[in-house]
Amino acid sequence: YGELLPDDKEKIIKSYTEKGKKVMMI
């Protein structure tokens, strides 16, 4: 994903965790 602001990154992470996915952010 490109052209992201901090809230964009956070929303993308949230969308995956809400689907029950285990995610790591580095």
mmCIF file of all heavy atoms, coordinates in Angstrom:
data_MODEL
# 
_entry.id   MODEL 
# 
loop_
_atom_site.group_PDB 
_atom_site.id 
_atom_site.type_symbol 
_atom_site.label_atom_id 
_atom_site.label_alt_id 
_atom_site.label_comp_id 
_atom_site.label_asym_id 
_atom_site.label_entity_id 
_atom_site.label_seq_id 
_atom_site.pdbx_PDB_ins_code 
_atom_site.Cartn_x 
_atom_site.Cartn_y 
_atom_site.Cartn_z 
_atom_site.occupancy 
_atom_site.B_iso_or_equiv 
_atom_site.pdbx_formal_charge 
_atom_site.auth_seq_id 
_atom_site.auth_comp_id 
_atom_site.auth_asym_id 
_atom_site.auth_atom_id 
_atom_site.pdbx_PDB_model_num 
ATOM 1   N N   . TYR A 1 1  ? 0.865   -1.189  0.000  1.00 0.00 ? 1  TYR A N   1 
ATOM 2   C CA  . TYR A 1 1  ? 0.000   0.000   0.000  1.00 0.00 ? 1  TYR A CA  1 
ATOM 3   C C   . TYR A 1 1  ? 0.895   1.230   0.000  1.00 0.00 ? 1  TYR A C   1 
ATOM 4   O O   . TYR A 1 1  ? 1.816   1.337   0.819  1.00 0.00 ? 1  TYR A O   1 
ATOM 5   C CB  . TYR A 1 1  ? -0.908  0.026   1.239  1.00 0.00 ? 1  TYR A CB  1 
ATOM 6   C CG  . TYR A 1 1  ? -1.864  -1.135  1.340  1.00 0.00 ? 1  TYR A CG  1 
ATOM 7   C CD1 . TYR A 1 1  ? -1.468  -2.341  1.908  1.00 0.00 ? 1  TYR A CD1 1 
ATOM 8   C CD2 . TYR A 1 1  ? -3.176  -1.037  0.877  1.00 0.00 ? 1  TYR A CD2 1 
ATOM 9   C CE1 . TYR A 1 1  ? -2.343  -3.424  2.008  1.00 0.00 ? 1  TYR A CE1 1 
ATOM 10  C CE2 . TYR A 1 1  ? -4.063  -2.106  0.975  1.00 0.00 ? 1  TYR A CE2 1 
ATOM 11  C CZ  . TYR A 1 1  ? -3.636  -3.290  1.540  1.00 0.00 ? 1  TYR A CZ  1 
ATOM 12  O OH  . TYR A 1 1  ? -4.506  -4.350  1.629  1.00 0.00 ? 1  TYR A OH  1 
ATOM 13  N N   . GLY A 1 2  ? 0.640   2.163   -0.923 1.00 0.00 ? 2  GLY A N   1 
ATOM 14  C CA  . GLY A 1 2  ? 1.435   3.381   -1.013 1.00 0.00 ? 2  GLY A CA  1 
ATOM 15  C C   . GLY A 1 2  ? 0.640   4.625   -0.693 1.00 0.00 ? 2  GLY A C   1 
ATOM 16  O O   . GLY A 1 2  ? -0.581  4.576   -0.495 1.00 0.00 ? 2  GLY A O   1 
ATOM 17  N N   . GLU A 1 3  ? 1.357   5.758   -0.591 1.00 0.00 ? 3  GLU A N   1 
ATOM 18  C CA  . GLU A 1 3  ? 0.753   7.073   -0.341 1.00 0.00 ? 3  GLU A CA  1 
ATOM 19  C C   . GLU A 1 3  ? -0.096  7.084   0.930  1.00 0.00 ? 3  GLU A C   1 
ATOM 20  O O   . GLU A 1 3  ? -1.200  7.605   0.964  1.00 0.00 ? 3  GLU A O   1 
ATOM 21  C CB  . GLU A 1 3  ? -0.081  7.514   -1.554 1.00 0.00 ? 3  GLU A CB  1 
ATOM 22  C CG  . GLU A 1 3  ? 0.736   7.621   -2.833 1.00 0.00 ? 3  GLU A CG  1 
ATOM 23  C CD  . GLU A 1 3  ? -0.105  7.974   -4.047 1.00 0.00 ? 3  GLU A CD  1 
ATOM 24  O OE1 . GLU A 1 3  ? -1.307  8.248   -3.881 1.00 0.00 ? 3  GLU A OE1 1 
ATOM 25  O OE2 . GLU A 1 3  ? 0.453   7.965   -5.170 1.00 0.00 ? 3  GLU A OE2 1 
ATOM 26  N N   . LEU A 1 4  ? 0.455   6.491   1.994  1.00 0.00 ? 4  LEU A N   1 
ATOM 27  C CA  . LEU A 1 4  ? -0.292  6.351   3.243  1.00 0.00 ? 4  LEU A CA  1 
ATOM 28  C C   . LEU A 1 4  ? 0.108   7.388   4.278  1.00 0.00 ? 4  LEU A C   1 
ATOM 29  O O   . LEU A 1 4  ? 1.282   7.712   4.431  1.00 0.00 ? 4  LEU A O   1 
ATOM 30  C CB  . LEU A 1 4  ? -0.061  4.957   3.841  1.00 0.00 ? 4  LEU A CB  1 
ATOM 31  C CG  . LEU A 1 4  ? -0.441  3.749   2.982  1.00 0.00 ? 4  LEU A CG  1 
ATOM 32  C CD1 . LEU A 1 4  ? -0.071  2.464   3.712  1.00 0.00 ? 4  LEU A CD1 1 
ATOM 33  C CD2 . LEU A 1 4  ? -1.930  3.765   2.650  1.00 0.00 ? 4  LEU A CD2 1 
ATOM 34  N N   . LEU A 1 5  ? -0.881  7.879   5.003  1.00 0.00 ? 5  LEU A N   1 
ATOM 35  C CA  . LEU A 1 5  ? -0.665  8.702   6.190  1.00 0.00 ? 5  LEU A CA  1 
ATOM 36  C C   . LEU A 1 5  ? -0.786  7.782   7.410  1.00 0.00 ? 5  LEU A C   1 
ATOM 37  O O   . LEU A 1 5  ? -1.254  6.645   7.286  1.00 0.00 ? 5  LEU A O   1 
ATOM 38  C CB  . LEU A 1 5  ? -1.700  9.818   6.253  1.00 0.00 ? 5  LEU A CB  1 
ATOM 39  C CG  . LEU A 1 5  ? -1.582  10.895  5.160  1.00 0.00 ? 5  LEU A CG  1 
ATOM 40  C CD1 . LEU A 1 5  ? -2.766  11.853  5.234  1.00 0.00 ? 5  LEU A CD1 1 
ATOM 41  C CD2 . LEU A 1 5  ? -0.271  11.651  5.268  1.00 0.00 ? 5  LEU A CD2 1 
ATOM 42  N N   . PRO A 1 6  ? -0.403  8.258   8.613  1.00 0.00 ? 6  PRO A N   1 
ATOM 43  C CA  . PRO A 1 6  ? -0.487  7.396   9.792  1.00 0.00 ? 6  PRO A CA  1 
ATOM 44  C C   . PRO A 1 6  ? -1.869  6.782   10.016 1.00 0.00 ? 6  PRO A C   1 
ATOM 45  O O   . PRO A 1 6  ? -1.980  5.607   10.361 1.00 0.00 ? 6  PRO A O   1 
ATOM 46  C CB  . PRO A 1 6  ? -0.115  8.350   10.937 1.00 0.00 ? 6  PRO A CB  1 
ATOM 47  C CG  . PRO A 1 6  ? 0.782   9.333   10.304 1.00 0.00 ? 6  PRO A CG  1 
ATOM 48  C CD  . PRO A 1 6  ? 0.249   9.539   8.929  1.00 0.00 ? 6  PRO A CD  1 
ATOM 49  N N   . ASP A 1 7  ? -2.934  7.573   9.812  1.00 0.00 ? 7  ASP A N   1 
ATOM 50  C CA  . ASP A 1 7  ? -4.273  7.021   10.049 1.00 0.00 ? 7  ASP A CA  1 
ATOM 51  C C   . ASP A 1 7  ? -4.627  5.978   8.994  1.00 0.00 ? 7  ASP A C   1 
ATOM 52  O O   . ASP A 1 7  ? -5.382  5.038   9.263  1.00 0.00 ? 7  ASP A O   1 
ATOM 53  C CB  . ASP A 1 7  ? -5.326  8.125   10.104 1.00 0.00 ? 7  ASP A CB  1 
ATOM 54  C CG  . ASP A 1 7  ? -5.310  9.029   8.885  1.00 0.00 ? 7  ASP A CG  1 
ATOM 55  O OD1 . ASP A 1 7  ? -4.255  9.115   8.242  1.00 0.00 ? 7  ASP A OD1 1 
ATOM 56  O OD2 . ASP A 1 7  ? -6.342  9.639   8.576  1.00 0.00 ? 7  ASP A OD2 1 
ATOM 57  N N   . ASP A 1 8  ? -4.068  6.121   7.770  1.00 0.00 ? 8  ASP A N   1 
ATOM 58  C CA  . ASP A 1 8  ? -4.306  5.116   6.730  1.00 0.00 ? 8  ASP A CA  1 
ATOM 59  C C   . ASP A 1 8  ? -3.688  3.777   7.138  1.00 0.00 ? 8  ASP A C   1 
ATOM 60  O O   . ASP A 1 8  ? -4.305  2.723   6.999  1.00 0.00 ? 8  ASP A O   1 
ATOM 61  C CB  . ASP A 1 8  ? -3.704  5.559   5.392  1.00 0.00 ? 8  ASP A CB  1 
ATOM 62  C CG  . ASP A 1 8  ? -4.355  6.832   4.851  1.00 0.00 ? 8  ASP A CG  1 
ATOM 63  O OD1 . ASP A 1 8  ? -5.575  6.982   5.039  1.00 0.00 ? 8  ASP A OD1 1 
ATOM 64  O OD2 . ASP A 1 8  ? -3.646  7.663   4.263  1.00 0.00 ? 8  ASP A OD2 1 
ATOM 65  N N   . LYS A 1 9  ? -2.446  3.844   7.629  1.00 0.00 ? 9  LYS A N   1 
ATOM 66  C CA  . LYS A 1 9  ? -1.766  2.619   8.064  1.00 0.00 ? 9  LYS A CA  1 
ATOM 67  C C   . LYS A 1 9  ? -2.541  1.946   9.188  1.00 0.00 ? 9  LYS A C   1 
ATOM 68  O O   . LYS A 1 9  ? -2.752  0.725   9.177  1.00 0.00 ? 9  LYS A O   1 
ATOM 69  C CB  . LYS A 1 9  ? -0.337  2.939   8.548  1.00 0.00 ? 9  LYS A CB  1 
ATOM 70  C CG  . LYS A 1 9  ? 0.628   3.350   7.455  1.00 0.00 ? 9  LYS A CG  1 
ATOM 71  C CD  . LYS A 1 9  ? 2.034   3.520   8.026  1.00 0.00 ? 9  LYS A CD  1 
ATOM 72  C CE  . LYS A 1 9  ? 3.028   3.929   6.957  1.00 0.00 ? 9  LYS A CE  1 
ATOM 73  N NZ  . LYS A 1 9  ? 4.399   4.051   7.471  1.00 0.00 ? 9  LYS A NZ  1 
ATOM 74  N N   . GLU A 1 10 ? -2.968  2.744   10.149 1.00 0.00 ? 10 GLU A N   1 
ATOM 75  C CA  . GLU A 1 10 ? -3.699  2.205   11.301 1.00 0.00 ? 10 GLU A CA  1 
ATOM 76  C C   . GLU A 1 10 ? -5.012  1.561   10.872 1.00 0.00 ? 10 GLU A C   1 
ATOM 77  O O   . GLU A 1 10 ? -5.411  0.514   11.371 1.00 0.00 ? 10 GLU A O   1 
ATOM 78  C CB  . GLU A 1 10 ? -3.935  3.338   12.309 1.00 0.00 ? 10 GLU A CB  1 
ATOM 79  C CG  . GLU A 1 10 ? -4.390  2.869   13.684 1.00 0.00 ? 10 GLU A CG  1 
ATOM 80  C CD  . GLU A 1 10 ? -5.892  2.979   13.857 1.00 0.00 ? 10 GLU A CD  1 
ATOM 81  O OE1 . GLU A 1 10 ? -6.561  3.559   12.973 1.00 0.00 ? 10 GLU A OE1 1 
ATOM 82  O OE2 . GLU A 1 10 ? -6.412  2.467   14.851 1.00 0.00 ? 10 GLU A OE2 1 
ATOM 83  N N   . LYS A 1 11 ? -5.711  2.177   9.920  1.00 0.00 ? 11 LYS A N   1 
ATOM 84  C CA  . LYS A 1 11 ? -6.982  1.633   9.428  1.00 0.00 ? 11 LYS A CA  1 
ATOM 85  C C   . LYS A 1 11 ? -6.777  0.308   8.706  1.00 0.00 ? 11 LYS A C   1 
ATOM 86  O O   . LYS A 1 11 ? -7.595  -0.611  8.830  1.00 0.00 ? 11 LYS A O   1 
ATOM 87  C CB  . LYS A 1 11 ? -7.661  2.648   8.489  1.00 0.00 ? 11 LYS A CB  1 
ATOM 88  C CG  . LYS A 1 11 ? -8.298  3.827   9.219  1.00 0.00 ? 11 LYS A CG  1 
ATOM 89  C CD  . LYS A 1 11 ? -8.802  4.870   8.224  1.00 0.00 ? 11 LYS A CD  1 
ATOM 90  C CE  . LYS A 1 11 ? -9.328  6.109   8.946  1.00 0.00 ? 11 LYS A CE  1 
ATOM 91  N NZ  . LYS A 1 11 ? -9.685  7.187   7.984  1.00 0.00 ? 11 LYS A NZ  1 
ATOM 92  N N   . ILE A 1 12 ? -5.692  0.213   7.933  1.00 0.00 ? 12 ILE A N   1 
ATOM 93  C CA  . ILE A 1 12 ? -5.397  -1.034  7.223  1.00 0.00 ? 12 ILE A CA  1 
ATOM 94  C C   . ILE A 1 12 ? -5.129  -2.159  8.223  1.00 0.00 ? 12 ILE A C   1 
ATOM 95  O O   . ILE A 1 12 ? -5.665  -3.266  8.101  1.00 0.00 ? 12 ILE A O   1 
ATOM 96  C CB  . ILE A 1 12 ? -4.192  -0.850  6.273  1.00 0.00 ? 12 ILE A CB  1 
ATOM 97  C CG1 . ILE A 1 12 ? -4.580  0.066   5.101  1.00 0.00 ? 12 ILE A CG1 1 
ATOM 98  C CG2 . ILE A 1 12 ? -3.699  -2.198  5.750  1.00 0.00 ? 12 ILE A CG2 1 
ATOM 99  C CD1 . ILE A 1 12 ? -3.402  0.511   4.254  1.00 0.00 ? 12 ILE A CD1 1 
ATOM 100 N N   . ILE A 1 13 ? -4.298  -1.863  9.241  1.00 0.00 ? 13 ILE A N   1 
ATOM 101 C CA  . ILE A 1 13 ? -4.010  -2.855  10.289 1.00 0.00 ? 13 ILE A CA  1 
ATOM 102 C C   . ILE A 1 13 ? -5.307  -3.284  10.969 1.00 0.00 ? 13 ILE A C   1 
ATOM 103 O O   . ILE A 1 13 ? -5.562  -4.475  11.188 1.00 0.00 ? 13 ILE A O   1 
ATOM 104 C CB  . ILE A 1 13 ? -3.036  -2.279  11.343 1.00 0.00 ? 13 ILE A CB  1 
ATOM 105 C CG1 . ILE A 1 13 ? -1.683  -1.923  10.714 1.00 0.00 ? 13 ILE A CG1 1 
ATOM 106 C CG2 . ILE A 1 13 ? -2.857  -3.259  12.499 1.00 0.00 ? 13 ILE A CG2 1 
ATOM 107 C CD1 . ILE A 1 13 ? -0.815  -3.081  10.364 1.00 0.00 ? 13 ILE A CD1 1 
ATOM 108 N N   . LYS A 1 14 ? -6.150  -2.307  11.307 1.00 0.00 ? 14 LYS A N   1 
ATOM 109 C CA  . LYS A 1 14 ? -7.403  -2.595  12.009 1.00 0.00 ? 14 LYS A CA  1 
ATOM 110 C C   . LYS A 1 14 ? -8.313  -3.480  11.172 1.00 0.00 ? 14 LYS A C   1 
ATOM 111 O O   . LYS A 1 14 ? -8.978  -4.383  11.693 1.00 0.00 ? 14 LYS A O   1 
ATOM 112 C CB  . LYS A 1 14 ? -8.115  -1.276  12.354 1.00 0.00 ? 14 LYS A CB  1 
ATOM 113 C CG  . LYS A 1 14 ? -9.332  -1.447  13.254 1.00 0.00 ? 14 LYS A CG  1 
ATOM 114 C CD  . LYS A 1 14 ? -9.920  -0.102  13.632 1.00 0.00 ? 14 LYS A CD  1 
ATOM 115 C CE  . LYS A 1 14 ? -11.116 -0.269  14.561 1.00 0.00 ? 14 LYS A CE  1 
ATOM 116 N NZ  . LYS A 1 14 ? -11.705 1.038   14.932 1.00 0.00 ? 14 LYS A NZ  1 
ATOM 117 N N   . SER A 1 15 ? -8.350  -3.224  9.861  1.00 0.00 ? 15 SER A N   1 
ATOM 118 C CA  . SER A 1 15 ? -9.228  -4.014  8.993  1.00 0.00 ? 15 SER A CA  1 
ATOM 119 C C   . SER A 1 15 ? -8.819  -5.490  8.996  1.00 0.00 ? 15 SER A C   1 
ATOM 120 O O   . SER A 1 15 ? -9.665  -6.377  8.915  1.00 0.00 ? 15 SER A O   1 
ATOM 121 C CB  . SER A 1 15 ? -9.193  -3.459  7.560  1.00 0.00 ? 15 SER A CB  1 
ATOM 122 O OG  . SER A 1 15 ? -7.935  -3.694  6.948  1.00 0.00 ? 15 SER A OG  1 
ATOM 123 N N   . TYR A 1 16 ? -7.528  -5.758  9.122  1.00 0.00 ? 16 TYR A N   1 
ATOM 124 C CA  . TYR A 1 16 ? -7.056  -7.148  9.159  1.00 0.00 ? 16 TYR A CA  1 
ATOM 125 C C   . TYR A 1 16 ? -7.340  -7.786  10.519 1.00 0.00 ? 16 TYR A C   1 
ATOM 126 O O   . TYR A 1 16 ? -7.758  -8.943  10.583 1.00 0.00 ? 16 TYR A O   1 
ATOM 127 C CB  . TYR A 1 16 ? -5.551  -7.211  8.867  1.00 0.00 ? 16 TYR A CB  1 
ATOM 128 C CG  . TYR A 1 16 ? -5.205  -7.144  7.396  1.00 0.00 ? 16 TYR A CG  1 
ATOM 129 C CD1 . TYR A 1 16 ? -5.248  -5.942  6.698  1.00 0.00 ? 16 TYR A CD1 1 
ATOM 130 C CD2 . TYR A 1 16 ? -4.813  -8.275  6.690  1.00 0.00 ? 16 TYR A CD2 1 
ATOM 131 C CE1 . TYR A 1 16 ? -4.922  -5.861  5.343  1.00 0.00 ? 16 TYR A CE1 1 
ATOM 132 C CE2 . TYR A 1 16 ? -4.483  -8.211  5.332  1.00 0.00 ? 16 TYR A CE2 1 
ATOM 133 C CZ  . TYR A 1 16 ? -4.541  -7.000  4.671  1.00 0.00 ? 16 TYR A CZ  1 
ATOM 134 O OH  . TYR A 1 16 ? -4.215  -6.927  3.340  1.00 0.00 ? 16 TYR A OH  1 
ATOM 135 N N   . THR A 1 17 ? -7.092  -7.042  11.606 1.00 0.00 ? 17 THR A N   1 
ATOM 136 C CA  . THR A 1 17 ? -7.314  -7.604  12.945 1.00 0.00 ? 17 THR A CA  1 
ATOM 137 C C   . THR A 1 17 ? -8.799  -7.856  13.199 1.00 0.00 ? 17 THR A C   1 
ATOM 138 O O   . THR A 1 17 ? -9.157  -8.801  13.901 1.00 0.00 ? 17 THR A O   1 
ATOM 139 C CB  . THR A 1 17 ? -6.758  -6.675  14.038 1.00 0.00 ? 17 THR A CB  1 
ATOM 140 O OG1 . THR A 1 17 ? -7.342  -5.363  13.912 1.00 0.00 ? 17 THR A OG1 1 
ATOM 141 C CG2 . THR A 1 17 ? -5.249  -6.549  13.935 1.00 0.00 ? 17 THR A CG2 1 
ATOM 142 N N   . GLU A 1 18 ? -9.657  -7.016  12.626 1.00 0.00 ? 18 GLU A N   1 
ATOM 143 C CA  . GLU A 1 18 ? -11.098 -7.217  12.806 1.00 0.00 ? 18 GLU A CA  1 
ATOM 144 C C   . GLU A 1 18 ? -11.596 -8.471  12.092 1.00 0.00 ? 18 GLU A C   1 
ATOM 145 O O   . GLU A 1 18 ? -12.660 -8.995  12.409 1.00 0.00 ? 18 GLU A O   1 
ATOM 146 C CB  . GLU A 1 18 ? -11.866 -5.987  12.299 1.00 0.00 ? 18 GLU A CB  1 
ATOM 147 C CG  . GLU A 1 18 ? -11.769 -4.789  13.248 1.00 0.00 ? 18 GLU A CG  1 
ATOM 148 C CD  . GLU A 1 18 ? -12.496 -3.567  12.729 1.00 0.00 ? 18 GLU A CD  1 
ATOM 149 O OE1 . GLU A 1 18 ? -12.803 -3.511  11.515 1.00 0.00 ? 18 GLU A OE1 1 
ATOM 150 O OE2 . GLU A 1 18 ? -12.770 -2.654  13.546 1.00 0.00 ? 18 GLU A OE2 1 
ATOM 151 N N   . LYS A 1 19 ? -10.816 -8.931  11.117 1.00 0.00 ? 19 LYS A N   1 
ATOM 152 C CA  . LYS A 1 19 ? -11.160 -10.181 10.426 1.00 0.00 ? 19 LYS A CA  1 
ATOM 153 C C   . LYS A 1 19 ? -10.621 -11.396 11.173 1.00 0.00 ? 19 LYS A C   1 
ATOM 154 O O   . LYS A 1 19 ? -10.716 -12.527 10.696 1.00 0.00 ? 19 LYS A O   1 
ATOM 155 C CB  . LYS A 1 19 ? -10.580 -10.164 9.011  1.00 0.00 ? 19 LYS A CB  1 
ATOM 156 C CG  . LYS A 1 19 ? -11.216 -9.134  8.084  1.00 0.00 ? 19 LYS A CG  1 
ATOM 157 C CD  . LYS A 1 19 ? -10.486 -9.105  6.744  1.00 0.00 ? 19 LYS A CD  1 
ATOM 158 C CE  . LYS A 1 19 ? -10.999 -7.983  5.850  1.00 0.00 ? 19 LYS A CE  1 
ATOM 159 N NZ  . LYS A 1 19 ? -10.198 -7.859  4.601  1.00 0.00 ? 19 LYS A NZ  1 
ATOM 160 N N   . GLY A 1 20 ? -10.031 -11.134 12.354 1.00 0.00 ? 20 GLY A N   1 
ATOM 161 C CA  . GLY A 1 20 ? -9.498  -12.233 13.155 1.00 0.00 ? 20 GLY A CA  1 
ATOM 162 C C   . GLY A 1 20 ? -8.092  -12.646 12.782 1.00 0.00 ? 20 GLY A C   1 
ATOM 163 O O   . GLY A 1 20 ? -7.604  -13.688 13.232 1.00 0.00 ? 20 GLY A O   1 
ATOM 164 N N   . LYS A 1 21 ? -7.413  -11.845 11.953 1.00 0.00 ? 21 LYS A N   1 
ATOM 165 C CA  . LYS A 1 21 ? -6.053  -12.171 11.540 1.00 0.00 ? 21 LYS A CA  1 
ATOM 166 C C   . LYS A 1 21 ? -5.052  -11.720 12.600 1.00 0.00 ? 21 LYS A C   1 
ATOM 167 O O   . LYS A 1 21 ? -5.215  -10.664 13.209 1.00 0.00 ? 21 LYS A O   1 
ATOM 168 C CB  . LYS A 1 21 ? -5.715  -11.502 10.206 1.00 0.00 ? 21 LYS A CB  1 
ATOM 169 C CG  . LYS A 1 21 ? -6.662  -11.857 9.059  1.00 0.00 ? 21 LYS A CG  1 
ATOM 170 C CD  . LYS A 1 21 ? -6.585  -13.333 8.696  1.00 0.00 ? 21 LYS A CD  1 
ATOM 171 C CE  . LYS A 1 21 ? -7.473  -13.648 7.510  1.00 0.00 ? 21 LYS A CE  1 
ATOM 172 N NZ  . LYS A 1 21 ? -7.454  -15.103 7.191  1.00 0.00 ? 21 LYS A NZ  1 
ATOM 173 N N   . LYS A 1 22 ? -4.016  -12.524 12.817 1.00 0.00 ? 22 LYS A N   1 
ATOM 174 C CA  . LYS A 1 22 ? -2.933  -12.133 13.707 1.00 0.00 ? 22 LYS A CA  1 
ATOM 175 C C   . LYS A 1 22 ? -1.876  -11.413 12.875 1.00 0.00 ? 22 LYS A C   1 
ATOM 176 O O   . LYS A 1 22 ? -1.337  -11.989 11.927 1.00 0.00 ? 22 LYS A O   1 
ATOM 177 C CB  . LYS A 1 22 ? -2.329  -13.344 14.407 1.00 0.00 ? 22 LYS A CB  1 
ATOM 178 C CG  . LYS A 1 22 ? -3.222  -13.910 15.500 1.00 0.00 ? 22 LYS A CG  1 
ATOM 179 C CD  . LYS A 1 22 ? -2.488  -14.927 16.335 1.00 0.00 ? 22 LYS A CD  1 
ATOM 180 C CE  . LYS A 1 22 ? -3.358  -15.408 17.485 1.00 0.00 ? 22 LYS A CE  1 
ATOM 181 N NZ  . LYS A 1 22 ? -2.653  -16.395 18.338 1.00 0.00 ? 22 LYS A NZ  1 
ATOM 182 N N   . VAL A 1 23 ? -1.618  -10.171 13.228 1.00 0.00 ? 23 VAL A N   1 
ATOM 183 C CA  . VAL A 1 23 ? -0.704  -9.369  12.413 1.00 0.00 ? 23 VAL A CA  1 
ATOM 184 C C   . VAL A 1 23 ? 0.391   -8.740  13.269 1.00 0.00 ? 23 VAL A C   1 
ATOM 185 O O   . VAL A 1 23 ? 0.172   -8.381  14.424 1.00 0.00 ? 23 VAL A O   1 
ATOM 186 C CB  . VAL A 1 23 ? -1.461  -8.260  11.649 1.00 0.00 ? 23 VAL A CB  1 
ATOM 187 C CG1 . VAL A 1 23 ? -2.565  -8.847  10.792 1.00 0.00 ? 23 VAL A CG1 1 
ATOM 188 C CG2 . VAL A 1 23 ? -2.044  -7.224  12.593 1.00 0.00 ? 23 VAL A CG2 1 
ATOM 189 N N   . MET A 1 24 ? 1.564   -8.638  12.659 1.00 0.00 ? 24 MET A N   1 
ATOM 190 C CA  . MET A 1 24 ? 2.683   -7.934  13.287 1.00 0.00 ? 24 MET A CA  1 
ATOM 191 C C   . MET A 1 24 ? 2.999   -6.720  12.429 1.00 0.00 ? 24 MET A C   1 
ATOM 192 O O   . MET A 1 24 ? 2.992   -6.799  11.202 1.00 0.00 ? 24 MET A O   1 
ATOM 193 C CB  . MET A 1 24 ? 3.915   -8.839  13.380 1.00 0.00 ? 24 MET A CB  1 
ATOM 194 C CG  . MET A 1 24 ? 5.117   -8.168  14.054 1.00 0.00 ? 24 MET A CG  1 
ATOM 195 S SD  . MET A 1 24 ? 6.666   -9.139  13.912 1.00 0.00 ? 24 MET A SD  1 
ATOM 196 C CE  . MET A 1 24 ? 6.243   -10.579 14.870 1.00 0.00 ? 24 MET A CE  1 
ATOM 197 N N   . MET A 1 25 ? 3.225   -5.582  13.085 1.00 0.00 ? 25 MET A N   1 
ATOM 198 C CA  . MET A 1 25 ? 3.629   -4.374  12.379 1.00 0.00 ? 25 MET A CA  1 
ATOM 199 C C   . MET A 1 25 ? 5.064   -4.046  12.771 1.00 0.00 ? 25 MET A C   1 
ATOM 200 O O   . MET A 1 25 ? 5.403   -4.036  13.959 1.00 0.00 ? 25 MET A O   1 
ATOM 201 C CB  . MET A 1 25 ? 2.710   -3.204  12.750 1.00 0.00 ? 25 MET A CB  1 
ATOM 202 C CG  . MET A 1 25 ? 3.169   -1.849  12.216 1.00 0.00 ? 25 MET A CG  1 
ATOM 203 S SD  . MET A 1 25 ? 3.104   -1.762  10.409 1.00 0.00 ? 25 MET A SD  1 
ATOM 204 C CE  . MET A 1 25 ? 3.943   -0.193  10.116 1.00 0.00 ? 25 MET A CE  1 
ATOM 205 N N   . ILE A 1 26 ? 5.899   -3.802  11.761 1.00 0.00 ? 26 ILE A N   1 
ATOM 206 C CA  . ILE A 1 26 ? 7.289   -3.441  12.021 1.00 0.00 ? 26 ILE A CA  1 
ATOM 207 C C   . ILE A 1 26 ? 7.546   -2.067  11.428 1.00 0.00 ? 26 ILE A C   1 
ATOM 208 O O   . ILE A 1 26 ? 7.335   -1.846  10.236 1.00 0.00 ? 26 ILE A O   1 
ATOM 209 C CB  . ILE A 1 26 ? 8.251   -4.473  11.404 1.00 0.00 ? 26 ILE A CB  1 
ATOM 210 C CG1 . ILE A 1 26 ? 7.935   -5.871  11.953 1.00 0.00 ? 26 ILE A CG1 1 
ATOM 211 C CG2 . ILE A 1 26 ? 9.702   -4.106  11.703 1.00 0.00 ? 26 ILE A CG2 1 
ATOM 212 C CD1 . ILE A 1 26 ? 8.664   -6.981  11.258 1.00 0.00 ? 26 ILE A CD1 1 
# 
